[in-house]
Amino acid sequence: MRIDSVTLEVDGVNIVGQLYLPVGDKPYPTVCACHGIPAGIPDSNDRGYASLAEQVCSNDFAVLIFNFRGTGASGGNLDMLG
């Protein structure tokens, strides 16, 4: 498995994520995992969606996980109103 850091520019805002790729260079079906909005401080022992991405990737799927704008390393402001 390979994990690539990715940055997507959306409306001038950098959205940061990771792309999990199975071994090999063929096209793979891809899952885009969209996280929920945290209600509190995350547990430092919880690996979050990374462990889910690794498990799905081990079954020959590529997986994109990312942080919505204003969360994690993504730019912008979190806006629940759209």
PDB file of N, CA and C in Angstrom:
ATOM      1  N   MET A   1       0.838  -1.167   0.000  1.00  0.00           N
ATOM      2  CA  MET A   1       0.000   0.000   0.000  1.00  0.00           C
ATOM      3  C   MET A   1       0.891   1.241   0.000  1.00  0.00           C
ATOM      4  N   ARG A   2       0.423   2.252  -0.721  1.00  0.00           N
ATOM      5  CA  ARG A   2       1.123   3.535  -0.767  1.00  0.00           C
ATOM      6  C   ARG A   2       0.147   4.614  -0.306  1.00  0.00           C
ATOM      7  N   ILE A   3       0.637   5.580   0.444  1.00  0.00           N
ATOM      8  CA  ILE A   3      -0.199   6.691   0.905  1.00  0.00           C
ATOM      9  C   ILE A   3       0.411   7.980   0.371  1.00  0.00           C
ATOM     10  N   ASP A   4      -0.353   8.690  -0.457  1.00  0.00           N
ATOM     11  CA  ASP A   4       0.096   9.960  -1.020  1.00  0.00           C
ATOM     12  C   ASP A   4      -0.661  11.108  -0.364  1.00  0.00           C
ATOM     13  N   SER A   5       0.047  12.163  -0.009  1.00  0.00           N
ATOM     14  CA  SER A   5      -0.607  13.385   0.445  1.00  0.00           C
ATOM     15  C   SER A   5      -1.128  14.112  -0.782  1.00  0.00           C
ATOM     16  N   VAL A   6      -2.341  14.623  -0.696  1.00  0.00           N
ATOM     17  CA  VAL A   6      -2.941  15.335  -1.823  1.00  0.00           C
ATOM     18  C   VAL A   6      -3.497  16.666  -1.338  1.00  0.00           C
ATOM     19  N   THR A   7      -3.465  17.647  -2.219  1.00  0.00           N
ATOM     20  CA  THR A   7      -4.091  18.937  -1.965  1.00  0.00           C
ATOM     21  C   THR A   7      -4.932  19.278  -3.178  1.00  0.00           C
ATOM     22  N   LEU A   8      -6.202  19.530  -2.937  1.00  0.00           N
ATOM     23  CA  LEU A   8      -7.130  19.903  -3.993  1.00  0.00           C
ATOM     24  C   LEU A   8      -7.536  21.352  -3.777  1.00  0.00           C
ATOM     25  N   GLU A   9      -7.505  22.161  -4.841  1.00  0.00           N
ATOM     26  CA  GLU A   9      -7.950  23.539  -4.706  1.00  0.00           C
ATOM     27  C   GLU A   9      -9.417  23.613  -5.104  1.00  0.00           C
ATOM     28  N   VAL A  10     -10.252  24.065  -4.180  1.00  0.00           N
ATOM     29  CA  VAL A  10     -11.689  24.187  -4.408  1.00  0.00           C
ATOM     30  C   VAL A  10     -12.096  25.619  -4.074  1.00  0.00           C
ATOM     31  N   ASP A  11     -12.569  26.358  -5.066  1.00  0.00           N
ATOM     32  CA  ASP A  11     -12.961  27.760  -4.870  1.00  0.00           C
ATOM     33  C   ASP A  11     -11.844  28.574  -4.226  1.00  0.00           C
ATOM     34  N   GLY A  12     -10.589  28.284  -4.610  1.00  0.00           N
ATOM     35  CA  GLY A  12      -9.449  29.017  -4.087  1.00  0.00           C
ATOM     36  C   GLY A  12      -8.991  28.581  -2.705  1.00  0.00           C
ATOM     37  N   VAL A  13      -9.593  27.520  -2.159  1.00  0.00           N
ATOM     38  CA  VAL A  13      -9.241  27.023  -0.823  1.00  0.00           C
ATOM     39  C   VAL A  13      -8.561  25.668  -0.965  1.00  0.00           C
ATOM     40  N   ASN A  14      -7.440  25.469  -0.273  1.00  0.00           N
ATOM     41  CA  ASN A  14      -6.742  24.181  -0.307  1.00  0.00           C
ATOM     42  C   ASN A  14      -7.412  23.182   0.629  1.00  0.00           C
ATOM     43  N   ILE A  15      -7.838  22.056   0.055  1.00  0.00           N
ATOM     44  CA  ILE A  15      -8.418  20.945   0.800  1.00  0.00           C
ATOM     45  C   ILE A  15      -7.354  19.850   0.838  1.00  0.00           C
ATOM     46  N   VAL A  16      -6.984  19.422   2.038  1.00  0.00           N
ATOM     47  CA  VAL A  16      -5.865  18.500   2.229  1.00  0.00           C
ATOM     48  C   VAL A  16      -6.392  17.110   2.569  1.00  0.00           C
ATOM     49  N   GLY A  17      -5.746  16.099   1.980  1.00  0.00           N
ATOM     50  CA  GLY A  17      -6.156  14.729   2.270  1.00  0.00           C
ATOM     51  C   GLY A  17      -5.042  13.740   1.993  1.00  0.00           C
ATOM     52  N   GLN A  18      -5.407  12.472   2.072  1.00  0.00           N
ATOM     53  CA  GLN A  18      -4.480  11.382   1.777  1.00  0.00           C
ATOM     54  C   GLN A  18      -5.182  10.409   0.836  1.00  0.00           C
ATOM     55  N   LEU A  19      -4.413   9.921  -0.132  1.00  0.00           N
ATOM     56  CA  LEU A  19      -4.899   8.930  -1.082  1.00  0.00           C
ATOM     57  C   LEU A  19      -4.182   7.620  -0.798  1.00  0.00           C
ATOM     58  N   TYR A  20      -4.942   6.606  -0.425  1.00  0.00           N
ATOM     59  CA  TYR A  20      -4.416   5.268  -0.130  1.00  0.00           C
ATOM     60  C   TYR A  20      -4.546   4.437  -1.396  1.00  0.00           C
ATOM     61  N   LEU A  21      -3.424   3.892  -1.866  1.00  0.00           N
ATOM     62  CA  LEU A  21      -3.405   3.128  -3.110  1.00  0.00           C
ATOM     63  C   LEU A  21      -2.890   1.716  -2.869  1.00  0.00           C
ATOM     64  N   PRO A  22      -3.606   0.709  -3.404  1.00  0.00           N
ATOM     65  CA  PRO A  22      -3.106  -0.666  -3.306  1.00  0.00           C
ATOM     66  C   PRO A  22      -1.805  -0.814  -4.087  1.00  0.00           C
ATOM     67  N   VAL A  23      -1.098  -1.895  -3.841  1.00  0.00           N
ATOM     68  CA  VAL A  23       0.138  -2.191  -4.561  1.00  0.00           C
ATOM     69  C   VAL A  23      -0.210  -2.454  -6.023  1.00  0.00           C
ATOM     70  N   GLY A  24       0.571  -1.884  -6.939  1.00  0.00           N
ATOM     71  CA  GLY A  24       0.347  -2.080  -8.366  1.00  0.00           C
ATOM     72  C   GLY A  24      -0.035  -0.778  -9.037  1.00  0.00           C
ATOM     73  N   ASP A  25       0.039  -0.779 -10.368  1.00  0.00           N
ATOM     74  CA  ASP A  25      -0.210   0.441 -11.133  1.00  0.00           C
ATOM     75  C   ASP A  25      -1.473   0.387 -11.975  1.00  0.00           C
ATOM     76  N   LYS A  26      -2.374  -0.550 -11.717  1.00  0.00           N
ATOM     77  CA  LYS A  26      -3.597  -0.621 -12.510  1.00  0.00           C
ATOM     78  C   LYS A  26      -4.652   0.313 -11.919  1.00  0.00           C
ATOM     79  N   PRO A  27      -5.683   0.623 -12.692  1.00  0.00           N
ATOM     80  CA  PRO A  27      -6.775   1.439 -12.137  1.00  0.00           C
ATOM     81  C   PRO A  27      -7.537   0.649 -11.064  1.00  0.00           C
ATOM     82  N   TYR A  28      -7.907   1.311 -10.003  1.00  0.00           N
ATOM     83  CA  TYR A  28      -8.656   0.682  -8.914  1.00  0.00           C
ATOM     84  C   TYR A  28      -9.959   1.441  -8.692  1.00  0.00           C
ATOM     85  N   PRO A  29     -11.023   0.729  -8.314  1.00  0.00           N
ATOM     86  CA  PRO A  29     -12.224   1.452  -7.878  1.00  0.00           C
ATOM     87  C   PRO A  29     -11.844   2.284  -6.657  1.00  0.00           C
ATOM     88  N   THR A  30     -12.481   3.429  -6.504  1.00  0.00           N
ATOM     89  CA  THR A  30     -12.080   4.366  -5.455  1.00  0.00           C
ATOM     90  C   THR A  30     -13.244   4.709  -4.539  1.00  0.00           C
ATOM     91  N   VAL A  31     -12.954   4.751  -3.252  1.00  0.00           N
ATOM     92  CA  VAL A  31     -13.910   5.156  -2.227  1.00  0.00           C
ATOM     93  C   VAL A  31     -13.464   6.513  -1.698  1.00  0.00           C
ATOM     94  N   CYS A  32     -14.392   7.458  -1.610  1.00  0.00           N
ATOM     95  CA  CYS A  32     -14.110   8.755  -0.998  1.00  0.00           C
ATOM     96  C   CYS A  32     -14.804   8.771   0.360  1.00  0.00           C
ATOM     97  N   ALA A  33     -14.017   8.764   1.433  1.00  0.00           N
ATOM     98  CA  ALA A  33     -14.567   8.723   2.788  1.00  0.00           C
ATOM     99  C   ALA A  33     -14.697  10.146   3.323  1.00  0.00           C
ATOM    100  N   CYS A  34     -15.920  10.557   3.599  1.00  0.00           N
ATOM    101  CA  CYS A  34     -16.199  11.899   4.128  1.00  0.00           C
ATOM    102  C   CYS A  34     -16.492  11.788   5.616  1.00  0.00           C
ATOM    103  N   HIS A  35     -15.668  12.415   6.425  1.00  0.00           N
ATOM    104  CA  HIS A  35     -15.820  12.307   7.878  1.00  0.00           C
ATOM    105  C   HIS A  35     -16.987  13.142   8.378  1.00  0.00           C
ATOM    106  N   GLY A  36     -17.443  12.798   9.553  1.00  0.00           N
ATOM    107  CA  GLY A  36     -18.438  13.622  10.232  1.00  0.00           C
ATOM    108  C   GLY A  36     -17.762  14.820  10.873  1.00  0.00           C
ATOM    109  N   ILE A  37     -18.548  15.723  11.376  1.00  0.00           N
ATOM    110  CA  ILE A  37     -17.999  16.903  12.035  1.00  0.00           C
ATOM    111  C   ILE A  37     -17.803  16.566  13.515  1.00  0.00           C
ATOM    112  N   PRO A  38     -16.579  16.686  14.034  1.00  0.00           N
ATOM    113  CA  PRO A  38     -16.330  16.303  15.427  1.00  0.00           C
ATOM    114  C   PRO A  38     -17.115  17.171  16.404  1.00  0.00           C
ATOM    115  N   ALA A  39     -17.648  16.528  17.429  1.00  0.00           N
ATOM    116  CA  ALA A  39     -18.416  17.241  18.450  1.00  0.00           C
ATOM    117  C   ALA A  39     -17.536  17.663  19.622  1.00  0.00           C
ATOM    118  N   GLY A  40     -16.307  17.182  19.649  1.00  0.00           N
ATOM    119  CA  GLY A  40     -15.419  17.516  20.754  1.00  0.00           C
ATOM    120  C   GLY A  40     -13.983  17.225  20.383  1.00  0.00           C
ATOM    121  N   ILE A  41     -13.132  17.250  21.360  1.00  0.00           N
ATOM    122  CA  ILE A  41     -11.712  16.976  21.143  1.00  0.00           C
ATOM    123  C   ILE A  41     -11.549  15.487  20.846  1.00  0.00           C
ATOM    124  N   PRO A  42     -10.885  15.151  19.729  1.00  0.00           N
ATOM    125  CA  PRO A  42     -10.730  13.734  19.392  1.00  0.00           C
ATOM    126  C   PRO A  42      -9.820  12.997  20.374  1.00  0.00           C
ATOM    127  N   ASP A  43     -10.053  11.708  20.497  1.00  0.00           N
ATOM    128  CA  ASP A  43      -9.230  10.829  21.325  1.00  0.00           C
ATOM    129  C   ASP A  43      -7.880  10.654  20.632  1.00  0.00           C
ATOM    130  N   SER A  44      -6.791  10.934  21.314  1.00  0.00           N
ATOM    131  CA  SER A  44      -5.460  10.852  20.696  1.00  0.00           C
ATOM    132  C   SER A  44      -5.087   9.425  20.301  1.00  0.00           C
ATOM    133  N   ASN A  45      -5.768   8.424  20.838  1.00  0.00           N
ATOM    134  CA  ASN A  45      -5.498   7.028  20.475  1.00  0.00           C
ATOM    135  C   ASN A  45      -6.319   6.557  19.280  1.00  0.00           C
ATOM    136  N   ASP A  46      -7.288   7.363  18.864  1.00  0.00           N
ATOM    137  CA  ASP A  46      -8.159   6.998  17.744  1.00  0.00           C
ATOM    138  C   ASP A  46      -7.501   7.435  16.440  1.00  0.00           C
ATOM    139  N   ARG A  47      -7.223   6.490  15.550  1.00  0.00           N
ATOM    140  CA  ARG A  47      -6.575   6.808  14.275  1.00  0.00           C
ATOM    141  C   ARG A  47      -7.577   7.322  13.254  1.00  0.00           C
ATOM    142  N   GLY A  48      -8.833   7.390  13.627  1.00  0.00           N
ATOM    143  CA  GLY A  48      -9.850   7.940  12.743  1.00  0.00           C
ATOM    144  C   GLY A  48     -10.030   7.122  11.483  1.00  0.00           C
ATOM    145  N   TYR A  49     -10.182   7.825  10.386  1.00  0.00           N
ATOM    146  CA  TYR A  49     -10.466   7.158   9.122  1.00  0.00           C
ATOM    147  C   TYR A  49      -9.245   6.500   8.497  1.00  0.00           C
ATOM    148  N   ALA A  50      -8.056   6.752   9.020  1.00  0.00           N
ATOM    149  CA  ALA A  50      -6.851   6.122   8.465  1.00  0.00           C
ATOM    150  C   ALA A  50      -6.928   4.607   8.569  1.00  0.00           C
ATOM    151  N   SER A  51      -7.384   4.086   9.705  1.00  0.00           N
ATOM    152  CA  SER A  51      -7.464   2.625   9.847  1.00  0.00           C
ATOM    153  C   SER A  51      -8.536   2.044   8.935  1.00  0.00           C
ATOM    154  N   LEU A  52      -9.648   2.761   8.758  1.00  0.00           N
ATOM    155  CA  LEU A  52     -10.680   2.318   7.813  1.00  0.00           C
ATOM    156  C   LEU A  52     -10.123   2.315   6.392  1.00  0.00           C
ATOM    157  N   ALA A  53      -9.401   3.376   6.017  1.00  0.00           N
ATOM    158  CA  ALA A  53      -8.822   3.465   4.675  1.00  0.00           C
ATOM    159  C   ALA A  53      -7.847   2.321   4.424  1.00  0.00           C
ATOM    160  N   GLU A  54      -7.037   1.986   5.411  1.00  0.00           N
ATOM    161  CA  GLU A  54      -6.084   0.878   5.256  1.00  0.00           C
ATOM    162  C   GLU A  54      -6.805  -0.446   5.052  1.00  0.00           C
ATOM    163  N   GLN A  55      -7.880  -0.665   5.793  1.00  0.00           N
ATOM    164  CA  GLN A  55      -8.628  -1.919   5.661  1.00  0.00           C
ATOM    165  C   GLN A  55      -9.294  -2.018   4.289  1.00  0.00           C
ATOM    166  N   VAL A  56      -9.920  -0.946   3.835  1.00  0.00           N
ATOM    167  CA  VAL A  56     -10.567  -0.954   2.518  1.00  0.00           C
ATOM    168  C   VAL A  56      -9.518  -1.109   1.422  1.00  0.00           C
ATOM    169  N   CYS A  57      -8.392  -0.421   1.558  1.00  0.00           N
ATOM    170  CA  CYS A  57      -7.314  -0.497   0.572  1.00  0.00           C
ATOM    171  C   CYS A  57      -6.757  -1.913   0.469  1.00  0.00           C
ATOM    172  N   SER A  58      -6.723  -2.638   1.570  1.00  0.00           N
ATOM    173  CA  SER A  58      -6.213  -4.015   1.541  1.00  0.00           C
ATOM    174  C   SER A  58      -7.116  -4.948   0.733  1.00  0.00           C
ATOM    175  N   ASN A  59      -8.310  -4.466   0.372  1.00  0.00           N
ATOM    176  CA  ASN A  59      -9.237  -5.230  -0.467  1.00  0.00           C
ATOM    177  C   ASN A  59      -9.275  -4.688  -1.893  1.00  0.00           C
ATOM    178  N   ASP A  60      -8.167  -4.083  -2.331  1.00  0.00           N
ATOM    179  CA  ASP A  60      -7.977  -3.589  -3.699  1.00  0.00           C
ATOM    180  C   ASP A  60      -8.896  -2.439  -4.095  1.00  0.00           C
ATOM    181  N   PHE A  61      -9.121  -1.523  -3.166  1.00  0.00           N
ATOM    182  CA  PHE A  61      -9.789  -0.264  -3.459  1.00  0.00           C
ATOM    183  C   PHE A  61      -8.814   0.858  -3.140  1.00  0.00           C
ATOM    184  N   ALA A  62      -8.817   1.903  -3.962  1.00  0.00           N
ATOM    185  CA  ALA A  62      -8.135   3.137  -3.582  1.00  0.00           C
ATOM    186  C   ALA A  62      -9.090   3.887  -2.656  1.00  0.00           C
ATOM    187  N   VAL A  63      -8.539   4.646  -1.714  1.00  0.00           N
ATOM    188  CA  VAL A  63      -9.377   5.378  -0.760  1.00  0.00           C
ATOM    189  C   VAL A  63      -8.843   6.798  -0.616  1.00  0.00           C
ATOM    190  N   LEU A  64      -9.735   7.777  -0.760  1.00  0.00           N
ATOM    191  CA  LEU A  64      -9.389   9.174  -0.520  1.00  0.00           C
ATOM    192  C   LEU A  64     -10.058   9.605   0.775  1.00  0.00           C
ATOM    193  N   ILE A  65      -9.247  10.068   1.730  1.00  0.00           N
ATOM    194  CA  ILE A  65      -9.792  10.702   2.927  1.00  0.00           C
ATOM    195  C   ILE A  65      -9.289  12.141   2.920  1.00  0.00           C
ATOM    196  N   PHE A  66     -10.097  13.057   3.442  1.00  0.00           N
ATOM    197  CA  PHE A  66      -9.716  14.467   3.400  1.00  0.00           C
ATOM    198  C   PHE A  66     -10.361  15.190   4.570  1.00  0.00           C
ATOM    199  N   ASN A  67      -9.878  16.398   4.812  1.00  0.00           N
ATOM    200  CA  ASN A  67     -10.479  17.262   5.822  1.00  0.00           C
ATOM    201  C   ASN A  67     -11.295  18.334   5.119  1.00  0.00           C
ATOM    202  N   PHE A  68     -12.540  18.512   5.552  1.00  0.00           N
ATOM    203  CA  PHE A  68     -13.369  19.579   5.000  1.00  0.00           C
ATOM    204  C   PHE A  68     -12.715  20.923   5.267  1.00  0.00           C
ATOM    205  N   ARG A  69     -13.120  21.937   4.518  1.00  0.00           N
ATOM    206  CA  ARG A  69     -12.540  23.265   4.726  1.00  0.00           C
ATOM    207  C   ARG A  69     -12.735  23.695   6.177  1.00  0.00           C
ATOM    208  N   GLY A  70     -11.688  24.287   6.715  1.00  0.00           N
ATOM    209  CA  GLY A  70     -11.723  24.753   8.097  1.00  0.00           C
ATOM    210  C   GLY A  70     -11.495  23.664   9.134  1.00  0.00           C
ATOM    211  N   THR A  71     -11.168  22.424   8.691  1.00  0.00           N
ATOM    212  CA  THR A  71     -10.858  21.354   9.639  1.00  0.00           C
ATOM    213  C   THR A  71      -9.500  20.765   9.285  1.00  0.00           C
ATOM    214  N   GLY A  72      -8.834  20.180  10.269  1.00  0.00           N
ATOM    215  CA  GLY A  72      -7.520  19.581  10.017  1.00  0.00           C
ATOM    216  C   GLY A  72      -6.585  20.591   9.379  1.00  0.00           C
ATOM    217  N   ALA A  73      -5.866  20.159   8.347  1.00  0.00           N
ATOM    218  CA  ALA A  73      -4.904  21.026   7.665  1.00  0.00           C
ATOM    219  C   ALA A  73      -5.519  21.782   6.492  1.00  0.00           C
ATOM    220  N   SER A  74      -6.812  21.580   6.226  1.00  0.00           N
ATOM    221  CA  SER A  74      -7.463  22.278   5.113  1.00  0.00           C
ATOM    222  C   SER A  74      -7.692  23.740   5.467  1.00  0.00           C
ATOM    223  N   GLY A  75      -7.613  24.577   4.441  1.00  0.00           N
ATOM    224  CA  GLY A  75      -7.819  26.003   4.640  1.00  0.00           C
ATOM    225  C   GLY A  75      -9.291  26.364   4.722  1.00  0.00           C
ATOM    226  N   GLY A  76      -9.541  27.649   4.842  1.00  0.00           N
ATOM    227  CA  GLY A  76     -10.911  28.150   4.859  1.00  0.00           C
ATOM    228  C   GLY A  76     -11.548  28.051   6.231  1.00  0.00           C
ATOM    229  N   ASN A  77     -12.843  28.266   6.237  1.00  0.00           N
ATOM    230  CA  ASN A  77     -13.618  28.242   7.472  1.00  0.00           C
ATOM    231  C   ASN A  77     -14.715  27.205   7.364  1.00  0.00           C
ATOM    232  N   LEU A  78     -14.955  26.500   8.440  1.00  0.00           N
ATOM    233  CA  LEU A  78     -16.036  25.536   8.499  1.00  0.00           C
ATOM    234  C   LEU A  78     -17.350  26.306   8.546  1.00  0.00           C
ATOM    235  N   ASP A  79     -18.252  25.996   7.611  1.00  0.00           N
ATOM    236  CA  ASP A  79     -19.545  26.674   7.541  1.00  0.00           C
ATOM    237  C   ASP A  79     -20.637  25.626   7.445  1.00  0.00           C
ATOM    238  N   MET A  80     -21.400  25.451   8.491  1.00  0.00           N
ATOM    239  CA  MET A  80     -22.447  24.433   8.515  1.00  0.00           C
ATOM    240  C   MET A  80     -23.664  24.835   7.688  1.00  0.00           C
ATOM    241  N   LEU A  81     -23.732  26.085   7.250  1.00  0.00           N
ATOM    242  CA  LEU A  81     -24.887  26.557   6.484  1.00  0.00           C
ATOM    243  C   LEU A  81     -24.709  26.394   4.986  1.00  0.00           C
ATOM    244  N   GLY A  82     -23.513  25.962   4.558  1.00  0.00           N
ATOM    245  CA  GLY A  82     -23.271  25.736   3.138  1.00  0.00           C
ATOM    246  C   GLY A  82     -22.586  26.881   2.524  1.00  0.00           C
TER     247      GLY A  82
END
